[in-house]
Amino acid sequence: MPKGIVWTEQAKADVRRIEQPVAWQILKTLGRYVLTGEGNPKLLQGIEPPLIRLRAQNHRVFFREHGDHIKVERVLDRKEAYR
C-alpha cells in the first residue's frame, strides 16, 4: 500500500505561490516517489529529526518519513532552498 502525504500549512502556502503548470509537475514527481520510490531523494546531513530532499523541476521538496506517511515540510525554489 502506498504511503500517504501530509502537508504542513507552510508547504501548502509554498505550492500555492508556484505557477500552476510547475506546481502540477512537482505534485506528479512527489506522487511518483510515494508510489514507486523513483526520484532522487537525499537524506540531509546534520538535521534531527531526519529531513529528506526530493528534486522536482527547479524546486526542492523537503519532507520527513513517518512510517505509513510522509510529512511535506517545505517546497522551495532551488535558489531559495539552501539559504
N, C-alpha and C. Protein backbone atom coordinates (compact mmCIF):
# COMPACT_ATOMS: atom_id res chain seq x y z
N MET A 1 0.84 -1.18 0.00
CA MET A 1 0.00 0.00 0.00
C MET A 1 0.89 1.25 0.00
N PRO A 2 0.59 2.23 -0.85
CA PRO A 2 1.42 3.44 -0.92
C PRO A 2 1.29 4.28 0.35
N LYS A 3 2.32 5.05 0.59
CA LYS A 3 2.32 5.95 1.74
C LYS A 3 1.39 7.13 1.48
N GLY A 4 0.85 7.67 2.55
CA GLY A 4 0.04 8.88 2.45
C GLY A 4 0.94 10.11 2.48
N ILE A 5 0.37 11.25 2.12
CA ILE A 5 1.11 12.51 2.14
C ILE A 5 0.36 13.48 3.05
N VAL A 6 1.07 14.01 4.02
CA VAL A 6 0.52 15.02 4.93
C VAL A 6 1.28 16.32 4.65
N TRP A 7 0.55 17.42 4.51
CA TRP A 7 1.14 18.71 4.18
C TRP A 7 1.08 19.64 5.38
N THR A 8 2.18 20.33 5.68
CA THR A 8 2.14 21.39 6.67
C THR A 8 1.48 22.60 6.03
N GLU A 9 0.99 23.52 6.84
CA GLU A 9 0.39 24.74 6.31
C GLU A 9 1.42 25.53 5.48
N GLN A 10 2.67 25.53 5.93
CA GLN A 10 3.72 26.25 5.20
C GLN A 10 3.94 25.64 3.83
N ALA A 11 3.95 24.30 3.74
CA ALA A 11 4.15 23.63 2.46
C ALA A 11 2.99 23.93 1.51
N LYS A 12 1.76 23.94 2.04
CA LYS A 12 0.60 24.28 1.20
C LYS A 12 0.74 25.69 0.64
N ALA A 13 1.15 26.62 1.50
CA ALA A 13 1.34 28.00 1.05
C ALA A 13 2.45 28.09 0.00
N ASP A 14 3.52 27.32 0.19
CA ASP A 14 4.62 27.31 -0.78
C ASP A 14 4.11 26.89 -2.16
N VAL A 15 3.31 25.83 -2.22
CA VAL A 15 2.81 25.31 -3.50
C VAL A 15 1.86 26.31 -4.14
N ARG A 16 1.05 26.98 -3.34
CA ARG A 16 0.11 27.96 -3.89
C ARG A 16 0.82 29.13 -4.57
N ARG A 17 2.03 29.45 -4.14
CA ARG A 17 2.78 30.57 -4.74
C ARG A 17 3.45 30.19 -6.06
N ILE A 18 3.49 28.93 -6.39
CA ILE A 18 4.16 28.47 -7.62
C ILE A 18 3.15 28.48 -8.76
N GLU A 19 3.62 28.81 -9.97
CA GLU A 19 2.75 28.79 -11.14
C GLU A 19 2.14 27.41 -11.29
N GLN A 20 0.87 27.37 -11.71
CA GLN A 20 0.12 26.13 -11.72
C GLN A 20 0.76 24.99 -12.52
N PRO A 21 1.23 25.22 -13.76
CA PRO A 21 1.83 24.09 -14.50
C PRO A 21 3.06 23.51 -13.78
N VAL A 22 3.86 24.36 -13.18
CA VAL A 22 5.04 23.90 -12.45
C VAL A 22 4.61 23.16 -11.19
N ALA A 23 3.60 23.68 -10.50
CA ALA A 23 3.10 23.03 -9.29
C ALA A 23 2.58 21.63 -9.61
N TRP A 24 1.89 21.47 -10.73
CA TRP A 24 1.41 20.14 -11.13
C TRP A 24 2.57 19.17 -11.34
N GLN A 25 3.63 19.63 -11.97
CA GLN A 25 4.79 18.77 -12.19
C GLN A 25 5.43 18.37 -10.86
N ILE A 26 5.49 19.29 -9.91
CA ILE A 26 6.04 18.98 -8.59
C ILE A 26 5.18 17.92 -7.91
N LEU A 27 3.86 18.09 -7.97
CA LEU A 27 2.96 17.12 -7.35
C LEU A 27 3.07 15.74 -8.01
N LYS A 28 3.22 15.72 -9.34
CA LYS A 28 3.40 14.45 -10.04
C LYS A 28 4.70 13.77 -9.63
N THR A 29 5.77 14.55 -9.48
CA THR A 29 7.06 14.00 -9.05
C THR A 29 6.94 13.42 -7.65
N LEU A 30 6.30 14.13 -6.75
CA LEU A 30 6.11 13.65 -5.38
C LEU A 30 5.24 12.40 -5.37
N GLY A 31 4.17 12.40 -6.16
CA GLY A 31 3.31 11.22 -6.24
C GLY A 31 4.05 10.00 -6.76
N ARG A 32 4.89 10.19 -7.78
CA ARG A 32 5.67 9.07 -8.32
C ARG A 32 6.62 8.52 -7.26
N TYR A 33 7.23 9.42 -6.48
CA TYR A 33 8.13 8.97 -5.41
C TYR A 33 7.37 8.14 -4.38
N VAL A 34 6.19 8.61 -3.98
CA VAL A 34 5.41 7.90 -2.97
C VAL A 34 4.96 6.53 -3.47
N LEU A 35 4.55 6.46 -4.73
CA LEU A 35 4.04 5.19 -5.28
C LEU A 35 5.13 4.19 -5.62
N THR A 36 6.25 4.67 -6.18
CA THR A 36 7.25 3.75 -6.71
C THR A 36 8.62 3.87 -6.07
N GLY A 37 8.87 4.96 -5.36
CA GLY A 37 10.21 5.18 -4.80
C GLY A 37 11.15 5.81 -5.80
N GLU A 38 10.66 6.10 -7.02
CA GLU A 38 11.50 6.72 -8.04
C GLU A 38 11.74 8.19 -7.71
N GLY A 39 12.88 8.67 -8.09
CA GLY A 39 13.25 10.06 -7.84
C GLY A 39 14.67 10.10 -7.35
N ASN A 40 15.06 11.22 -6.85
CA ASN A 40 16.42 11.37 -6.37
C ASN A 40 16.39 11.94 -4.94
N PRO A 41 15.85 11.15 -3.98
CA PRO A 41 15.80 11.67 -2.61
C PRO A 41 17.19 11.67 -1.98
N LYS A 42 17.40 12.61 -1.09
CA LYS A 42 18.67 12.69 -0.39
C LYS A 42 18.40 13.02 1.08
N LEU A 43 18.98 12.23 1.96
CA LEU A 43 18.88 12.49 3.39
C LEU A 43 19.86 13.60 3.72
N LEU A 44 19.35 14.71 4.25
CA LEU A 44 20.21 15.84 4.57
C LEU A 44 20.97 15.56 5.87
N GLN A 45 22.24 15.89 5.86
CA GLN A 45 23.12 15.59 6.99
C GLN A 45 23.00 16.65 8.09
N GLY A 46 23.11 16.20 9.33
CA GLY A 46 23.18 17.10 10.47
C GLY A 46 21.85 17.70 10.89
N ILE A 47 20.73 17.13 10.45
CA ILE A 47 19.42 17.65 10.81
C ILE A 47 18.65 16.57 11.55
N GLU A 48 18.14 16.92 12.72
CA GLU A 48 17.34 15.99 13.51
C GLU A 48 16.00 16.62 13.80
N PRO A 49 14.89 15.93 13.64
CA PRO A 49 14.77 14.61 13.05
C PRO A 49 15.14 14.64 11.57
N PRO A 50 15.47 13.49 11.00
CA PRO A 50 15.96 13.44 9.61
C PRO A 50 15.01 14.13 8.62
N LEU A 51 15.61 14.89 7.71
CA LEU A 51 14.88 15.61 6.67
C LEU A 51 15.39 15.11 5.32
N ILE A 52 14.45 14.85 4.42
CA ILE A 52 14.79 14.33 3.09
C ILE A 52 14.46 15.39 2.05
N ARG A 53 15.32 15.50 1.05
CA ARG A 53 15.11 16.44 -0.04
C ARG A 53 14.85 15.66 -1.32
N LEU A 54 13.82 16.08 -2.06
CA LEU A 54 13.50 15.48 -3.35
C LEU A 54 13.53 16.57 -4.39
N ARG A 55 14.28 16.35 -5.46
CA ARG A 55 14.32 17.32 -6.56
C ARG A 55 13.07 17.17 -7.41
N ALA A 56 12.45 18.32 -7.71
CA ALA A 56 11.26 18.33 -8.56
C ALA A 56 11.32 19.60 -9.40
N GLN A 57 11.64 19.44 -10.69
CA GLN A 57 11.83 20.59 -11.57
C GLN A 57 12.93 21.47 -10.98
N ASN A 58 12.70 22.78 -10.91
CA ASN A 58 13.67 23.69 -10.30
C ASN A 58 13.33 23.95 -8.84
N HIS A 59 12.59 23.04 -8.24
CA HIS A 59 12.18 23.18 -6.85
C HIS A 59 12.69 22.00 -6.04
N ARG A 60 12.65 22.18 -4.74
CA ARG A 60 13.06 21.12 -3.81
C ARG A 60 11.92 20.89 -2.83
N VAL A 61 11.55 19.63 -2.65
CA VAL A 61 10.51 19.24 -1.70
C VAL A 61 11.23 18.66 -0.49
N PHE A 62 11.00 19.25 0.67
CA PHE A 62 11.61 18.79 1.91
C PHE A 62 10.55 18.08 2.74
N PHE A 63 10.83 16.84 3.14
CA PHE A 63 9.84 16.07 3.89
C PHE A 63 10.51 15.14 4.89
N ARG A 64 9.68 14.62 5.80
CA ARG A 64 10.12 13.63 6.78
C ARG A 64 9.26 12.39 6.61
N GLU A 65 9.88 11.22 6.76
CA GLU A 65 9.15 9.95 6.67
C GLU A 65 8.64 9.58 8.05
N HIS A 66 7.37 9.15 8.10
CA HIS A 66 6.74 8.75 9.36
C HIS A 66 6.01 7.42 9.14
N GLY A 67 6.74 6.34 8.94
CA GLY A 67 6.12 5.02 8.80
C GLY A 67 5.20 4.92 7.59
N ASP A 68 3.89 5.13 7.81
CA ASP A 68 2.92 4.94 6.74
C ASP A 68 2.62 6.21 5.94
N HIS A 69 3.29 7.32 6.26
CA HIS A 69 3.08 8.55 5.50
C HIS A 69 4.35 9.40 5.51
N ILE A 70 4.36 10.39 4.61
CA ILE A 70 5.43 11.38 4.64
C ILE A 70 4.79 12.72 4.98
N LYS A 71 5.55 13.57 5.64
CA LYS A 71 5.06 14.90 6.01
C LYS A 71 5.88 15.93 5.25
N VAL A 72 5.25 16.60 4.30
CA VAL A 72 5.93 17.61 3.49
C VAL A 72 6.04 18.88 4.31
N GLU A 73 7.29 19.31 4.54
CA GLU A 73 7.57 20.49 5.35
C GLU A 73 7.63 21.77 4.53
N ARG A 74 8.33 21.74 3.39
CA ARG A 74 8.51 22.94 2.55
C ARG A 74 8.63 22.51 1.09
N VAL A 75 8.29 23.43 0.19
CA VAL A 75 8.50 23.29 -1.25
C VAL A 75 9.08 24.63 -1.70
N LEU A 76 10.37 24.63 -2.04
CA LEU A 76 11.07 25.89 -2.32
C LEU A 76 11.79 25.83 -3.67
N ASP A 77 11.92 27.00 -4.29
CA ASP A 77 12.74 27.12 -5.48
C ASP A 77 14.18 26.78 -5.08
N ARG A 78 14.89 26.14 -5.96
CA ARG A 78 16.25 25.69 -5.61
C ARG A 78 17.16 26.85 -5.23
N LYS A 79 16.88 28.05 -5.76
CA LYS A 79 17.71 29.21 -5.43
C LYS A 79 17.49 29.66 -4.00
N GLU A 80 16.33 29.39 -3.44
CA GLU A 80 16.00 29.80 -2.08
C GLU A 80 16.15 28.66 -1.07
N ALA A 81 16.24 27.45 -1.54
CA ALA A 81 16.14 26.28 -0.66
C ALA A 81 17.26 26.15 0.36
N TYR A 82 18.45 26.58 0.03
CA TYR A 82 19.59 26.31 0.91
C TYR A 82 20.12 27.56 1.59
N ARG A 83 19.36 28.61 1.65
CA ARG A 83 19.78 29.85 2.30
C ARG A 83 19.63 29.74 3.78
